[in-house]
Full PDB file with SEQRES, HELIX, SHEET, SSBOND, CRYST1, ORIGX, SCALE, CONECT and MASTER records, all heavy atoms in Angstrom:
SEQRES   1 A   39  VAL PRO TYR TYR ARG GLN ILE LEU PRO ILE LEU ASN ILE          
SEQRES   2 A   39  PHE LYS ASN MET ASN VAL ASN SER GLY ASP GLY ILE ASP          
SEQRES   3 A   39  TYR SER GLN GLN LYS ARG GLU ASN ILE GLY ASP LEU ILE          
HELIX    1 AA1 TYR A    4  PHE A   14  1                                  11    
HELIX    2 AA2 SER A   28  LYS A   31  1                                   4    
HELIX    3 AA3 ILE A   35  LEU A   38  1                                   4    
CRYST1    1.000    1.000    1.000  90.00  90.00  90.00 P 1           1          
ORIGX1      1.000000  0.000000  0.000000        0.00000                         
ORIGX2      0.000000  1.000000  0.000000        0.00000                         
ORIGX3      0.000000  0.000000  1.000000        0.00000                         
SCALE1      1.000000  0.000000  0.000000        0.00000                         
SCALE2      0.000000  1.000000  0.000000        0.00000                         
SCALE3      0.000000  0.000000  1.000000        0.00000                         
ATOM      1  N   VAL A   1     -12.049 -17.125 -26.220  1.00  0.00           N  
ATOM      2  CA  VAL A   1     -12.373 -15.801 -25.664  1.00  0.00           C  
ATOM      3  C   VAL A   1     -11.133 -14.930 -25.455  1.00  0.00           C  
ATOM      4  O   VAL A   1     -11.136 -13.746 -25.812  1.00  0.00           O  
ATOM      5  CB  VAL A   1     -13.177 -15.952 -24.358  1.00  0.00           C  
ATOM      6  CG1 VAL A   1     -13.393 -14.593 -23.693  1.00  0.00           C  
ATOM      7  CG2 VAL A   1     -14.522 -16.610 -24.646  1.00  0.00           C  
ATOM      8  N   PRO A   2     -10.022 -15.431 -24.896  1.00  0.00           N  
ATOM      9  CA  PRO A   2      -8.854 -14.549 -24.717  1.00  0.00           C  
ATOM     10  C   PRO A   2      -8.248 -14.048 -26.021  1.00  0.00           C  
ATOM     11  O   PRO A   2      -7.445 -13.096 -25.991  1.00  0.00           O  
ATOM     12  CB  PRO A   2      -7.851 -15.451 -23.967  1.00  0.00           C  
ATOM     13  CG  PRO A   2      -8.662 -16.528 -23.362  1.00  0.00           C  
ATOM     14  CD  PRO A   2      -9.804 -16.758 -24.299  1.00  0.00           C  
ATOM     15  N   TYR A   3      -8.613 -14.664 -27.150  1.00  0.00           N  
ATOM     16  CA  TYR A   3      -8.017 -14.283 -28.433  1.00  0.00           C  
ATOM     17  C   TYR A   3      -8.963 -13.445 -29.289  1.00  0.00           C  
ATOM     18  O   TYR A   3      -8.718 -13.267 -30.484  1.00  0.00           O  
ATOM     19  CB  TYR A   3      -7.608 -15.544 -29.208  1.00  0.00           C  
ATOM     20  CG  TYR A   3      -6.656 -16.430 -28.443  1.00  0.00           C  
ATOM     21  CD1 TYR A   3      -7.105 -17.613 -27.855  1.00  0.00           C  
ATOM     22  CD2 TYR A   3      -5.326 -16.083 -28.288  1.00  0.00           C  
ATOM     23  CE1 TYR A   3      -6.244 -18.430 -27.142  1.00  0.00           C  
ATOM     24  CE2 TYR A   3      -4.451 -16.893 -27.581  1.00  0.00           C  
ATOM     25  CZ  TYR A   3      -4.922 -18.062 -27.012  1.00  0.00           C  
ATOM     26  OH  TYR A   3      -4.060 -18.867 -26.300  1.00  0.00           O  
ATOM     27  N   TYR A   4     -10.050 -12.945 -28.707  1.00  0.00           N  
ATOM     28  CA  TYR A   4     -10.976 -12.114 -29.477  1.00  0.00           C  
ATOM     29  C   TYR A   4     -10.305 -10.851 -30.012  1.00  0.00           C  
ATOM     30  O   TYR A   4     -10.681 -10.338 -31.068  1.00  0.00           O  
ATOM     31  CB  TYR A   4     -12.178 -11.721 -28.611  1.00  0.00           C  
ATOM     32  CG  TYR A   4     -13.211 -12.820 -28.437  1.00  0.00           C  
ATOM     33  CD1 TYR A   4     -14.281 -12.661 -27.564  1.00  0.00           C  
ATOM     34  CD2 TYR A   4     -13.125 -14.009 -29.148  1.00  0.00           C  
ATOM     35  CE1 TYR A   4     -15.226 -13.661 -27.395  1.00  0.00           C  
ATOM     36  CE2 TYR A   4     -14.064 -15.011 -28.979  1.00  0.00           C  
ATOM     37  CZ  TYR A   4     -15.106 -14.833 -28.101  1.00  0.00           C  
ATOM     38  OH  TYR A   4     -16.044 -15.824 -27.942  1.00  0.00           O  
ATOM     39  N   ARG A   5      -9.326 -10.338 -29.303  1.00  0.00           N  
ATOM     40  CA  ARG A   5      -8.672  -9.092 -29.749  1.00  0.00           C  
ATOM     41  C   ARG A   5      -7.878  -9.306 -31.032  1.00  0.00           C  
ATOM     42  O   ARG A   5      -7.594  -8.334 -31.735  1.00  0.00           O  
ATOM     43  CB  ARG A   5      -7.754  -8.556 -28.651  1.00  0.00           C  
ATOM     44  CG  ARG A   5      -8.499  -8.126 -27.412  1.00  0.00           C  
ATOM     45  CD  ARG A   5      -7.660  -7.264 -26.505  1.00  0.00           C  
ATOM     46  NE  ARG A   5      -8.424  -6.801 -25.346  1.00  0.00           N  
ATOM     47  CZ  ARG A   5      -8.002  -5.847 -24.528  1.00  0.00           C  
ATOM     48  NH1 ARG A   5      -6.844  -5.260 -24.724  1.00  0.00           N  
ATOM     49  NH2 ARG A   5      -8.751  -5.484 -23.499  1.00  0.00           N  
ATOM     50  N   GLN A   6      -7.493 -10.543 -31.327  1.00  0.00           N  
ATOM     51  CA  GLN A   6      -6.799 -10.813 -32.587  1.00  0.00           C  
ATOM     52  C   GLN A   6      -7.774 -11.143 -33.716  1.00  0.00           C  
ATOM     53  O   GLN A   6      -7.480 -10.890 -34.886  1.00  0.00           O  
ATOM     54  CB  GLN A   6      -5.840 -12.005 -32.405  1.00  0.00           C  
ATOM     55  CG  GLN A   6      -4.535 -11.667 -31.727  1.00  0.00           C  
ATOM     56  CD  GLN A   6      -4.671 -11.527 -30.220  1.00  0.00           C  
ATOM     57  OE1 GLN A   6      -5.508 -12.193 -29.610  1.00  0.00           O  
ATOM     58  NE2 GLN A   6      -3.877 -10.667 -29.617  1.00  0.00           N  
ATOM     59  N   ILE A   7      -8.931 -11.684 -33.380  1.00  0.00           N  
ATOM     60  CA  ILE A   7      -9.854 -12.178 -34.412  1.00  0.00           C  
ATOM     61  C   ILE A   7     -10.908 -11.143 -34.799  1.00  0.00           C  
ATOM     62  O   ILE A   7     -11.224 -10.973 -35.983  1.00  0.00           O  
ATOM     63  CB  ILE A   7     -10.538 -13.474 -33.916  1.00  0.00           C  
ATOM     64  CG1 ILE A   7      -9.493 -14.553 -33.622  1.00  0.00           C  
ATOM     65  CG2 ILE A   7     -11.541 -13.983 -34.939  1.00  0.00           C  
ATOM     66  CD1 ILE A   7     -10.085 -15.810 -33.005  1.00  0.00           C  
ATOM     67  N   LEU A   8     -11.449 -10.423 -33.815  1.00  0.00           N  
ATOM     68  CA  LEU A   8     -12.658  -9.629 -34.053  1.00  0.00           C  
ATOM     69  C   LEU A   8     -12.459  -8.271 -34.723  1.00  0.00           C  
ATOM     70  O   LEU A   8     -13.449  -7.739 -35.238  1.00  0.00           O  
ATOM     71  CB  LEU A   8     -13.415  -9.429 -32.731  1.00  0.00           C  
ATOM     72  CG  LEU A   8     -13.913 -10.705 -32.047  1.00  0.00           C  
ATOM     73  CD1 LEU A   8     -14.783 -10.359 -30.846  1.00  0.00           C  
ATOM     74  CD2 LEU A   8     -14.678 -11.588 -33.021  1.00  0.00           C  
ATOM     75  N   PRO A   9     -11.270  -7.635 -34.715  1.00  0.00           N  
ATOM     76  CA  PRO A   9     -11.187  -6.314 -35.376  1.00  0.00           C  
ATOM     77  C   PRO A   9     -11.599  -6.325 -36.843  1.00  0.00           C  
ATOM     78  O   PRO A   9     -12.285  -5.398 -37.301  1.00  0.00           O  
ATOM     79  CB  PRO A   9      -9.705  -5.942 -35.208  1.00  0.00           C  
ATOM     80  CG  PRO A   9      -9.288  -6.625 -33.963  1.00  0.00           C  
ATOM     81  CD  PRO A   9     -10.038  -7.926 -33.964  1.00  0.00           C  
ATOM     82  N   ILE A  10     -11.204  -7.342 -37.603  1.00  0.00           N  
ATOM     83  CA  ILE A  10     -11.600  -7.399 -39.018  1.00  0.00           C  
ATOM     84  C   ILE A  10     -13.100  -7.629 -39.133  1.00  0.00           C  
ATOM     85  O   ILE A  10     -13.758  -7.087 -40.029  1.00  0.00           O  
ATOM     86  CB  ILE A  10     -10.822  -8.506 -39.744  1.00  0.00           C  
ATOM     87  CG1 ILE A  10      -9.318  -8.251 -39.630  1.00  0.00           C  
ATOM     88  CG2 ILE A  10     -11.221  -8.570 -41.209  1.00  0.00           C  
ATOM     89  CD1 ILE A  10      -8.869  -6.961 -40.256  1.00  0.00           C  
ATOM     90  N   LEU A  11     -13.673  -8.423 -38.218  1.00  0.00           N  
ATOM     91  CA  LEU A  11     -15.124  -8.653 -38.249  1.00  0.00           C  
ATOM     92  C   LEU A  11     -15.873  -7.353 -37.980  1.00  0.00           C  
ATOM     93  O   LEU A  11     -16.955  -7.130 -38.541  1.00  0.00           O  
ATOM     94  CB  LEU A  11     -15.504  -9.716 -37.222  1.00  0.00           C  
ATOM     95  CG  LEU A  11     -15.443 -11.184 -37.673  1.00  0.00           C  
ATOM     96  CD1 LEU A  11     -14.036 -11.591 -38.087  1.00  0.00           C  
ATOM     97  CD2 LEU A  11     -15.960 -12.105 -36.585  1.00  0.00           C  
ATOM     98  N   ASN A  12     -15.313  -6.506 -37.136  1.00  0.00           N  
ATOM     99  CA  ASN A  12     -15.952  -5.220 -36.854  1.00  0.00           C  
ATOM    100  C   ASN A  12     -15.955  -4.321 -38.091  1.00  0.00           C  
ATOM    101  O   ASN A  12     -16.893  -3.544 -38.304  1.00  0.00           O  
ATOM    102  CB  ASN A  12     -15.216  -4.519 -35.701  1.00  0.00           C  
ATOM    103  CG  ASN A  12     -15.900  -3.250 -35.266  1.00  0.00           C  
ATOM    104  OD1 ASN A  12     -17.129  -3.166 -35.283  1.00  0.00           O  
ATOM    105  ND2 ASN A  12     -15.123  -2.257 -34.894  1.00  0.00           N  
ATOM    106  N   ILE A  13     -14.923  -4.421 -38.928  1.00  0.00           N  
ATOM    107  CA  ILE A  13     -14.852  -3.588 -40.141  1.00  0.00           C  
ATOM    108  C   ILE A  13     -15.899  -4.019 -41.161  1.00  0.00           C  
ATOM    109  O   ILE A  13     -16.587  -3.189 -41.766  1.00  0.00           O  
ATOM    110  CB  ILE A  13     -13.439  -3.665 -40.743  1.00  0.00           C  
ATOM    111  CG1 ILE A  13     -12.409  -3.037 -39.784  1.00  0.00           C  
ATOM    112  CG2 ILE A  13     -13.379  -2.964 -42.094  1.00  0.00           C  
ATOM    113  CD1 ILE A  13     -10.975  -3.175 -40.249  1.00  0.00           C  
ATOM    114  N   PHE A  14     -16.042  -5.337 -41.350  1.00  0.00           N  
ATOM    115  CA  PHE A  14     -16.919  -5.853 -42.410  1.00  0.00           C  
ATOM    116  C   PHE A  14     -18.315  -6.205 -41.913  1.00  0.00           C  
ATOM    117  O   PHE A  14     -19.102  -6.776 -42.678  1.00  0.00           O  
ATOM    118  CB  PHE A  14     -16.285  -7.102 -43.035  1.00  0.00           C  
ATOM    119  CG  PHE A  14     -15.086  -6.806 -43.897  1.00  0.00           C  
ATOM    120  CD1 PHE A  14     -13.817  -6.784 -43.347  1.00  0.00           C  
ATOM    121  CD2 PHE A  14     -15.221  -6.561 -45.246  1.00  0.00           C  
ATOM    122  CE1 PHE A  14     -12.701  -6.515 -44.126  1.00  0.00           C  
ATOM    123  CE2 PHE A  14     -14.122  -6.296 -46.034  1.00  0.00           C  
ATOM    124  CZ  PHE A  14     -12.862  -6.272 -45.474  1.00  0.00           C  
ATOM    125  N   LYS A  15     -18.630  -5.880 -40.660  1.00  0.00           N  
ATOM    126  CA  LYS A  15     -19.906  -6.335 -40.090  1.00  0.00           C  
ATOM    127  C   LYS A  15     -21.115  -5.796 -40.845  1.00  0.00           C  
ATOM    128  O   LYS A  15     -22.118  -6.494 -41.013  1.00  0.00           O  
ATOM    129  CB  LYS A  15     -19.989  -5.914 -38.622  1.00  0.00           C  
ATOM    130  CG  LYS A  15     -21.238  -6.406 -37.899  1.00  0.00           C  
ATOM    131  CD  LYS A  15     -21.196  -6.036 -36.430  1.00  0.00           C  
ATOM    132  CE  LYS A  15     -22.418  -6.600 -35.697  1.00  0.00           C  
ATOM    133  NZ  LYS A  15     -23.655  -5.975 -36.139  1.00  0.00           N  
ATOM    134  N   ASN A  16     -21.048  -4.581 -41.318  1.00  0.00           N  
ATOM    135  CA  ASN A  16     -22.192  -3.956 -41.981  1.00  0.00           C  
ATOM    136  C   ASN A  16     -22.127  -4.063 -43.497  1.00  0.00           C  
ATOM    137  O   ASN A  16     -22.861  -3.355 -44.193  1.00  0.00           O  
ATOM    138  CB  ASN A  16     -22.289  -2.477 -41.581  1.00  0.00           C  
ATOM    139  CG  ASN A  16     -22.582  -2.316 -40.104  1.00  0.00           C  
ATOM    140  OD1 ASN A  16     -23.346  -3.078 -39.529  1.00  0.00           O  
ATOM    141  ND2 ASN A  16     -21.956  -1.324 -39.483  1.00  0.00           N  
ATOM    142  N   MET A  17     -21.266  -4.926 -44.017  1.00  0.00           N  
ATOM    143  CA  MET A  17     -21.157  -5.079 -45.463  1.00  0.00           C  
ATOM    144  C   MET A  17     -22.201  -6.085 -45.935  1.00  0.00           C  
ATOM    145  O   MET A  17     -21.936  -7.279 -46.089  1.00  0.00           O  
ATOM    146  CB  MET A  17     -19.742  -5.519 -45.856  1.00  0.00           C  
ATOM    147  CG  MET A  17     -19.548  -5.654 -47.355  1.00  0.00           C  
ATOM    148  SD  MET A  17     -17.823  -5.896 -47.827  1.00  0.00           S  
ATOM    149  CE  MET A  17     -17.193  -4.241 -47.603  1.00  0.00           C  
ATOM    150  N   ASN A  18     -23.399  -5.600 -46.149  1.00  0.00           N  
ATOM    151  CA  ASN A  18     -24.488  -6.417 -46.671  1.00  0.00           C  
ATOM    152  C   ASN A  18     -24.845  -5.936 -48.067  1.00  0.00           C  
ATOM    153  O   ASN A  18     -24.691  -4.755 -48.397  1.00  0.00           O  
ATOM    154  CB  ASN A  18     -25.725  -6.337 -45.774  1.00  0.00           C  
ATOM    155  CG  ASN A  18     -25.593  -7.211 -44.545  1.00  0.00           C  
ATOM    156  OD1 ASN A  18     -25.200  -8.357 -44.639  1.00  0.00           O  
ATOM    157  ND2 ASN A  18     -25.910  -6.658 -43.385  1.00  0.00           N  
ATOM    158  N   VAL A  19     -25.333  -6.859 -48.879  1.00  0.00           N  
ATOM    159  CA  VAL A  19     -25.729  -6.517 -50.239  1.00  0.00           C  
ATOM    160  C   VAL A  19     -27.163  -6.025 -50.226  1.00  0.00           C  
ATOM    161  O   VAL A  19     -28.081  -6.738 -49.817  1.00  0.00           O  
ATOM    162  CB  VAL A  19     -25.593  -7.742 -51.166  1.00  0.00           C  
ATOM    163  CG1 VAL A  19     -26.035  -7.384 -52.574  1.00  0.00           C  
ATOM    164  CG2 VAL A  19     -24.161  -8.247 -51.163  1.00  0.00           C  
ATOM    165  N   ASN A  20     -27.360  -4.771 -50.668  1.00  0.00           N  
ATOM    166  CA  ASN A  20     -28.706  -4.209 -50.755  1.00  0.00           C  
ATOM    167  C   ASN A  20     -29.216  -4.417 -52.173  1.00  0.00           C  
ATOM    168  O   ASN A  20     -28.946  -3.627 -53.069  1.00  0.00           O  
ATOM    169  CB  ASN A  20     -28.681  -2.724 -50.385  1.00  0.00           C  
ATOM    170  CG  ASN A  20     -30.079  -2.132 -50.318  1.00  0.00           C  
ATOM    171  OD1 ASN A  20     -31.058  -2.846 -50.462  1.00  0.00           O  
ATOM    172  ND2 ASN A  20     -30.154  -0.835 -50.117  1.00  0.00           N  
ATOM    173  N   SER A  21     -29.950  -5.501 -52.375  1.00  0.00           N  
ATOM    174  CA  SER A  21     -30.427  -5.846 -53.716  1.00  0.00           C  
ATOM    175  C   SER A  21     -31.851  -5.368 -53.968  1.00  0.00           C  
ATOM    176  O   SER A  21     -32.437  -5.721 -54.992  1.00  0.00           O  
ATOM    177  CB  SER A  21     -30.352  -7.368 -53.924  1.00  0.00           C  
ATOM    178  OG  SER A  21     -31.102  -8.023 -52.924  1.00  0.00           O  
ATOM    179  N   GLY A  22     -32.404  -4.581 -53.041  1.00  0.00           N  
ATOM    180  CA  GLY A  22     -33.761  -4.085 -53.243  1.00  0.00           C  
ATOM    181  C   GLY A  22     -34.762  -5.224 -53.240  1.00  0.00           C  
ATOM    182  O   GLY A  22     -34.793  -6.046 -52.328  1.00  0.00           O  
ATOM    183  N   ASP A  23     -35.592  -5.288 -54.289  1.00  0.00           N  
ATOM    184  CA  ASP A  23     -36.582  -6.364 -54.379  1.00  0.00           C  
ATOM    185  C   ASP A  23     -36.060  -7.541 -55.194  1.00  0.00           C  
ATOM    186  O   ASP A  23     -36.820  -8.449 -55.537  1.00  0.00           O  
ATOM    187  CB  ASP A  23     -37.886  -5.846 -54.994  1.00  0.00           C  
ATOM    188  CG  ASP A  23     -37.664  -5.275 -56.395  1.00  0.00           C  
ATOM    189  OD1 ASP A  23     -36.487  -5.102 -56.762  1.00  0.00           O  
ATOM    190  OD2 ASP A  23     -38.651  -5.000 -57.092  1.00  0.00           O  
ATOM    191  N   GLY A  24     -34.774  -7.528 -55.512  1.00  0.00           N  
ATOM    192  CA  GLY A  24     -34.194  -8.641 -56.258  1.00  0.00           C  
ATOM    193  C   GLY A  24     -33.872  -9.816 -55.344  1.00  0.00           C  
ATOM    194  O   GLY A  24     -34.095  -9.790 -54.133  1.00  0.00           O  
ATOM    195  N   ILE A  25     -33.354 -10.870 -55.935  1.00  0.00           N  
ATOM    196  CA  ILE A  25     -33.004 -12.082 -55.203  1.00  0.00           C  
ATOM    197  C   ILE A  25     -31.507 -12.072 -54.947  1.00  0.00           C  
ATOM    198  O   ILE A  25     -30.714 -11.912 -55.877  1.00  0.00           O  
ATOM    199  CB  ILE A  25     -33.413 -13.344 -55.998  1.00  0.00           C  
ATOM    200  CG1 ILE A  25     -34.917 -13.352 -56.244  1.00  0.00           C  
ATOM    201  CG2 ILE A  25     -32.988 -14.608 -55.254  1.00  0.00           C  
ATOM    202  CD1 ILE A  25     -35.381 -14.500 -57.117  1.00  0.00           C  
ATOM    203  N   ASP A  26     -31.123 -12.241 -53.698  1.00  0.00           N  
ATOM    204  CA  ASP A  26     -29.718 -12.282 -53.322  1.00  0.00           C  
ATOM    205  C   ASP A  26     -29.315 -13.749 -53.182  1.00  0.00           C  
ATOM    206  O   ASP A  26     -29.579 -14.390 -52.170  1.00  0.00           O  
ATOM    207  CB  ASP A  26     -29.486 -11.522 -52.016  1.00  0.00           C  
ATOM    208  CG  ASP A  26     -28.015 -11.465 -51.642  1.00  0.00           C  
ATOM    209  OD1 ASP A  26     -27.194 -11.795 -52.518  1.00  0.00           O  
ATOM    210  OD2 ASP A  26     -27.694 -11.091 -50.501  1.00  0.00           O  
ATOM    211  N   TYR A  27     -28.676 -14.278 -54.222  1.00  0.00           N  
ATOM    212  CA  TYR A  27     -28.312 -15.695 -54.202  1.00  0.00           C  
ATOM    213  C   TYR A  27     -27.140 -15.977 -53.273  1.00  0.00           C  
ATOM    214  O   TYR A  27     -26.877 -17.135 -52.957  1.00  0.00           O  
ATOM    215  CB  TYR A  27     -27.964 -16.169 -55.617  1.00  0.00           C  
ATOM    216  CG  TYR A  27     -29.160 -16.187 -56.532  1.00  0.00           C  
ATOM    217  CD1 TYR A  27     -29.402 -15.139 -57.411  1.00  0.00           C  
ATOM    218  CD2 TYR A  27     -30.063 -17.240 -56.511  1.00  0.00           C  
ATOM    219  CE1 TYR A  27     -30.498 -15.144 -58.251  1.00  0.00           C  
ATOM    220  CE2 TYR A  27     -31.170 -17.268 -57.348  1.00  0.00           C  
ATOM    221  CZ  TYR A  27     -31.380 -16.211 -58.214  1.00  0.00           C  
ATOM    222  OH  TYR A  27     -32.477 -16.218 -59.034  1.00  0.00           O  
ATOM    223  N   SER A  28     -26.422 -14.959 -52.830  1.00  0.00           N  
ATOM    224  CA  SER A  28     -25.313 -15.184 -51.918  1.00  0.00           C  
ATOM    225  C   SER A  28     -25.793 -15.688 -50.560  1.00  0.00           C  
ATOM    226  O   SER A  28     -25.036 -16.317 -49.818  1.00  0.00           O  
ATOM    227  CB  SER A  28     -24.500 -13.896 -51.728  1.00  0.00           C  
ATOM    228  OG  SER A  28     -25.268 -12.897 -51.085  1.00  0.00           O  
ATOM    229  N   GLN A  29     -27.069 -15.419 -50.224  1.00  0.00           N  
ATOM    230  CA  GLN A  29     -27.599 -15.942 -48.970  1.00  0.00           C  
ATOM    231  C   GLN A  29     -27.756 -17.459 -49.034  1.00  0.00           C  
ATOM    232  O   GLN A  29     -27.507 -18.163 -48.057  1.00  0.00           O  
ATOM    233  CB  GLN A  29     -28.944 -15.283 -48.662  1.00  0.00           C  
ATOM    234  CG  GLN A  29     -28.835 -13.802 -48.321  1.00  0.00           C  
ATOM    235  CD  GLN A  29     -30.186 -13.196 -48.001  1.00  0.00           C  
ATOM    236  OE1 GLN A  29     -31.216 -13.795 -48.282  1.00  0.00           O  
ATOM    237  NE2 GLN A  29     -30.189 -12.010 -47.437  1.00  0.00           N  
ATOM    238  N   GLN A  30     -28.158 -17.971 -50.198  1.00  0.00           N  
ATOM    239  CA  GLN A  30     -28.277 -19.419 -50.338  1.00  0.00           C  
ATOM    240  C   GLN A  30     -26.905 -20.081 -50.298  1.00  0.00           C  
ATOM    241  O   GLN A  30     -26.742 -21.161 -49.737  1.00  0.00           O  
ATOM    242  CB  GLN A  30     -28.993 -19.756 -51.648  1.00  0.00           C  
ATOM    243  CG  GLN A  30     -30.404 -19.194 -51.732  1.00  0.00           C  
ATOM    244  CD  GLN A  30     -31.050 -19.477 -53.076  1.00  0.00           C  
ATOM    245  OE1 GLN A  30     -30.464 -20.149 -53.924  1.00  0.00           O  
ATOM    246  NE2 GLN A  30     -32.249 -18.960 -53.287  1.00  0.00           N  
ATOM    247  N   LYS A  31     -25.906 -19.453 -50.895  1.00  0.00           N  
ATOM    248  CA  LYS A  31     -24.550 -20.001 -50.905  1.00  0.00           C  
ATOM    249  C   LYS A  31     -23.787 -19.670 -49.620  1.00  0.00           C  
ATOM    250  O   LYS A  31     -22.657 -20.097 -49.459  1.00  0.00           O  
ATOM    251  CB  LYS A  31     -23.778 -19.445 -52.101  1.00  0.00           C  
ATOM    252  CG  LYS A  31     -24.412 -19.745 -53.442  1.00  0.00           C  
ATOM    253  CD  LYS A  31     -23.637 -19.079 -54.569  1.00  0.00           C  
ATOM    254  CE  LYS A  31     -24.286 -19.307 -55.916  1.00  0.00           C  
ATOM    255  NZ  LYS A  31     -23.560 -18.618 -57.009  1.00  0.00           N  
ATOM    256  N   ARG A  32     -24.404 -18.875 -48.736  1.00  0.00           N  
ATOM    257  CA  ARG A  32     -23.763 -18.425 -47.495  1.00  0.00           C  
ATOM    258  C   ARG A  32     -22.462 -17.696 -47.809  1.00  0.00           C  
ATOM    259  O   ARG A  32     -21.406 -18.027 -47.299  1.00  0.00           O  
ATOM    260  CB  ARG A  32     -23.523 -19.599 -46.544  1.00  0.00           C  
ATOM    261  CG  ARG A  32     -24.805 -20.292 -46.106  1.00  0.00           C  
ATOM    262  CD  ARG A  32     -24.557 -21.329 -45.053  1.00  0.00           C  
ATOM    263  NE  ARG A  32     -24.151 -20.716 -43.799  1.00  0.00           N  
ATOM    264  CZ  ARG A  32     -23.087 -21.107 -43.104  1.00  0.00           C  
ATOM    265  NH1 ARG A  32     -22.310 -22.061 -43.554  1.00  0.00           N  
ATOM    266  NH2 ARG A  32     -22.798 -20.535 -41.958  1.00  0.00           N  
ATOM    267  N   GLU A  33     -22.556 -16.695 -48.685  1.00  0.00           N  
ATOM    268  CA  GLU A  33     -21.401 -15.895 -49.057  1.00  0.00           C  
ATOM    269  C   GLU A  33     -21.603 -14.420 -48.738  1.00  0.00           C  
ATOM    270  O   GLU A  33     -20.828 -13.586 -49.180  1.00  0.00           O  
ATOM    271  CB  GLU A  33     -21.099 -16.066 -50.555  1.00  0.00           C  
ATOM    272  CG  GLU A  33     -20.666 -17.469 -50.935  1.00  0.00           C  
ATOM    273  CD  GLU A  33     -20.443 -17.627 -52.425  1.00  0.00           C  
ATOM    274  OE1 GLU A  33     -20.763 -16.662 -53.152  1.00  0.00           O  
ATOM    275  OE2 GLU A  33     -19.967 -18.682 -52.856  1.00  0.00           O  
ATOM    276  N   ASN A  34     -22.664 -14.109 -47.999  1.00  0.00           N  
ATOM    277  CA  ASN A  34     -22.901 -12.724 -47.606  1.00  0.00           C  
ATOM    278  C   ASN A  34     -22.100 -12.444 -46.323  1.00  0.00           C  
ATOM    279  O   ASN A  34     -22.375 -13.028 -45.270  1.00  0.00           O  
ATOM    280  CB  ASN A  34     -24.402 -12.493 -47.368  1.00  0.00           C  
ATOM    281  CG  ASN A  34     -24.729 -11.017 -47.285  1.00  0.00           C  
ATOM    282  OD1 ASN A  34     -23.859 -10.203 -46.991  1.00  0.00           O  
ATOM    283  ND2 ASN A  34     -25.970 -10.672 -47.551  1.00  0.00           N  
ATOM    284  N   ILE A  35     -21.111 -11.558 -46.420  1.00  0.00           N  
ATOM    285  CA  ILE A  35     -20.166 -11.368 -45.312  1.00  0.00           C  
ATOM    286  C   ILE A  35     -20.887 -10.878 -44.059  1.00  0.00           C  
ATOM    287  O   ILE A  35     -20.628 -11.358 -42.947  1.00  0.00           O  
ATOM    288  CB  ILE A  35     -19.054 -10.385 -45.725  1.00  0.00           C  
ATOM    289  CG1 ILE A  35     -18.221 -10.986 -46.855  1.00  0.00           C  
ATOM    290  CG2 ILE A  35     -18.153 -10.067 -44.534  1.00  0.00           C  
ATOM    291  CD1 ILE A  35     -17.078 -10.105 -47.302  1.00  0.00           C  
ATOM    292  N   GLY A  36     -21.799  -9.921 -44.216  1.00  0.00           N  
ATOM    293  CA  GLY A  36     -22.481  -9.366 -43.055  1.00  0.00           C  
ATOM    294  C   GLY A  36     -23.259 -10.423 -42.283  1.00  0.00           C  
ATOM    295  O   GLY A  36     -23.207 -10.478 -41.049  1.00  0.00           O  
ATOM    296  N   ASP A  37     -23.980 -11.289 -43.007  1.00  0.00           N  
ATOM    297  CA  ASP A  37     -24.753 -12.349 -42.344  1.00  0.00           C  
ATOM    298  C   ASP A  37     -23.846 -13.382 -41.695  1.00  0.00           C  
ATOM    299  O   ASP A  37     -24.125 -13.870 -40.588  1.00  0.00           O  
ATOM    300  CB  ASP A  37     -25.681 -13.032 -43.359  1.00  0.00           C  
ATOM    301  CG  ASP A  37     -26.774 -12.091 -43.858  1.00  0.00           C  
ATOM    302  OD1 ASP A  37     -27.006 -11.071 -43.182  1.00  0.00           O  
ATOM    303  OD2 ASP A  37     -27.358 -12.368 -44.916  1.00  0.00           O  
ATOM    304  N   LEU A  38     -22.745 -13.721 -42.368  1.00  0.00           N  
ATOM    305  CA  LEU A  38     -21.823 -14.701 -41.810  1.00  0.00           C  
ATOM    306  C   LEU A  38     -21.163 -14.185 -40.533  1.00  0.00           C  
ATOM    307  O   LEU A  38     -20.971 -14.933 -39.566  1.00  0.00           O  
ATOM    308  CB  LEU A  38     -20.746 -15.058 -42.839  1.00  0.00           C  
ATOM    309  CG  LEU A  38     -21.130 -16.100 -43.893  1.00  0.00           C  
ATOM    310  CD1 LEU A  38     -20.019 -16.247 -44.913  1.00  0.00           C  
ATOM    311  CD2 LEU A  38     -21.427 -17.432 -43.247  1.00  0.00           C  
ATOM    312  N   ILE A  39     -20.822 -12.907 -40.523  1.00  0.00           N  
ATOM    313  CA  ILE A  39     -20.212 -12.336 -39.318  1.00  0.00           C  
ATOM    314  C   ILE A  39     -21.206 -12.357 -38.161  1.00  0.00           C  
ATOM    315  O   ILE A  39     -20.846 -12.681 -37.016  1.00  0.00           O  
ATOM    316  CB  ILE A  39     -19.711 -10.906 -39.611  1.00  0.00           C  
ATOM    317  CG1 ILE A  39     -18.492 -10.957 -40.538  1.00  0.00           C  
ATOM    318  CG2 ILE A  39     -19.346 -10.181 -38.317  1.00  0.00           C  
ATOM    319  CD1 ILE A  39     -17.969  -9.595 -40.948  1.00  0.00           C  
TER     320      ILE A  39                                                      
MASTER        0    0    0    3    0    0    0    6  319    1    0    3          
END                                                                             
């Protein structure tokens, strides 16, 4: 917890970076490579 100020700023930048694949299949969710979901 005391080190959140060093770790979380980058997470705040990439938090909304999700892949909008429409009605397609996003295989990155199966591989757990979607940055927004991981954050």
